[in-house]
Amino acid sequence: MGKAKKRSLHLGINDRFSNLSRNEAADLAAEMLNTGDKDAWGLITLFGLSAEEILESGANYEVVKGMENLLK
């Protein structure tokens, strides 16, 4: 984990996830996208998640396709 991620987690900016693995982040991002939560974008960019990872975690195809320019 890079310095910036550690610092932001340490400062409590992302209180919902204090110790999060990449797989857990993908699952959480998929769940957040399916419910329409705007914080999903921050989580996706923080971990650099790909469209494939999010789709495998259970996100709707239409939602992922709509944000194609953000994903790798």
Protein backbone atom coordinates (compact mmCIF):
# COMPACT_ATOMS: atom_id res chain seq x y z
CA MET A 1 0.00 0.00 0.00
CA GLY A 2 1.37 3.39 -0.96
CA LYS A 3 1.99 6.33 1.34
CA ALA A 4 -1.07 8.26 0.21
CA LYS A 5 -3.43 5.34 0.79
CA LYS A 6 -1.99 4.68 4.23
CA ARG A 7 -2.20 8.36 5.12
CA SER A 8 -5.81 8.77 4.02
CA LEU A 9 -6.88 5.60 5.81
CA HIS A 10 -4.98 6.67 8.92
CA LEU A 11 -6.59 10.11 8.94
CA GLY A 12 -10.04 8.52 8.93
CA ILE A 13 -11.12 9.89 5.57
CA ASN A 14 -12.43 6.45 4.68
CA ASP A 15 -13.76 5.28 8.04
CA ARG A 16 -15.93 2.59 6.52
CA PHE A 17 -12.95 0.51 5.48
CA SER A 18 -9.95 0.61 7.74
CA ASN A 19 -8.24 -2.58 6.60
CA LEU A 20 -9.42 -3.62 3.15
CA SER A 21 -7.97 -6.13 0.71
CA ARG A 22 -8.24 -5.73 -3.05
CA ASN A 23 -10.86 -8.49 -3.34
CA GLU A 24 -12.95 -6.96 -0.56
CA ALA A 25 -12.66 -3.58 -2.25
CA ALA A 26 -13.94 -5.05 -5.53
CA ASP A 27 -16.88 -6.69 -3.74
CA LEU A 28 -17.71 -3.49 -1.89
CA ALA A 29 -17.41 -1.39 -5.06
CA ALA A 30 -19.76 -3.74 -6.92
CA GLU A 31 -22.29 -3.54 -4.11
CA MET A 32 -22.00 0.25 -3.98
CA LEU A 33 -22.44 0.55 -7.75
CA ASN A 34 -25.53 -1.64 -7.70
CA THR A 35 -27.12 0.57 -5.03
CA GLY A 36 -26.09 3.82 -6.74
CA ASP A 37 -23.69 5.01 -4.03
CA LYS A 38 -21.46 7.84 -5.31
CA ASP A 39 -18.54 6.81 -3.05
CA ALA A 40 -17.92 3.80 -5.32
CA TRP A 41 -15.96 6.03 -7.71
CA GLY A 42 -13.47 6.94 -5.01
CA LEU A 43 -13.00 3.32 -4.00
CA ILE A 44 -12.47 2.22 -7.60
CA THR A 45 -9.87 4.88 -8.27
CA LEU A 46 -8.17 4.34 -4.90
CA PHE A 47 -7.49 0.68 -5.65
CA GLY A 48 -7.27 1.03 -9.45
CA LEU A 49 -9.90 -1.65 -10.00
CA SER A 50 -10.54 -2.93 -13.51
CA ALA A 51 -13.93 -3.50 -15.11
CA GLU A 52 -13.33 -7.24 -15.11
CA GLU A 53 -12.71 -7.33 -11.36
CA ILE A 54 -15.86 -5.37 -10.65
CA LEU A 55 -17.98 -7.50 -12.96
CA GLU A 56 -16.66 -10.71 -11.35
CA SER A 57 -17.66 -9.27 -7.98
CA GLY A 58 -21.28 -8.97 -9.07
CA ALA A 59 -21.80 -5.47 -10.49
CA ASN A 60 -24.39 -4.92 -13.20
CA TYR A 61 -22.94 -4.88 -16.71
CA GLU A 62 -24.84 -1.72 -17.66
CA VAL A 63 -23.42 0.23 -14.73
CA VAL A 64 -19.86 -0.86 -15.48
CA LYS A 65 -20.26 -0.15 -19.20
CA GLY A 66 -21.55 3.33 -18.35
CA MET A 67 -18.36 4.17 -16.47
CA GLU A 68 -16.02 2.60 -19.00
CA ASN A 69 -13.86 5.71 -19.33
CA LEU A 70 -12.95 5.59 -15.63
CA LEU A 71 -11.94 1.94 -15.60
CA LYS A 72 -8.83 0.39 -17.11
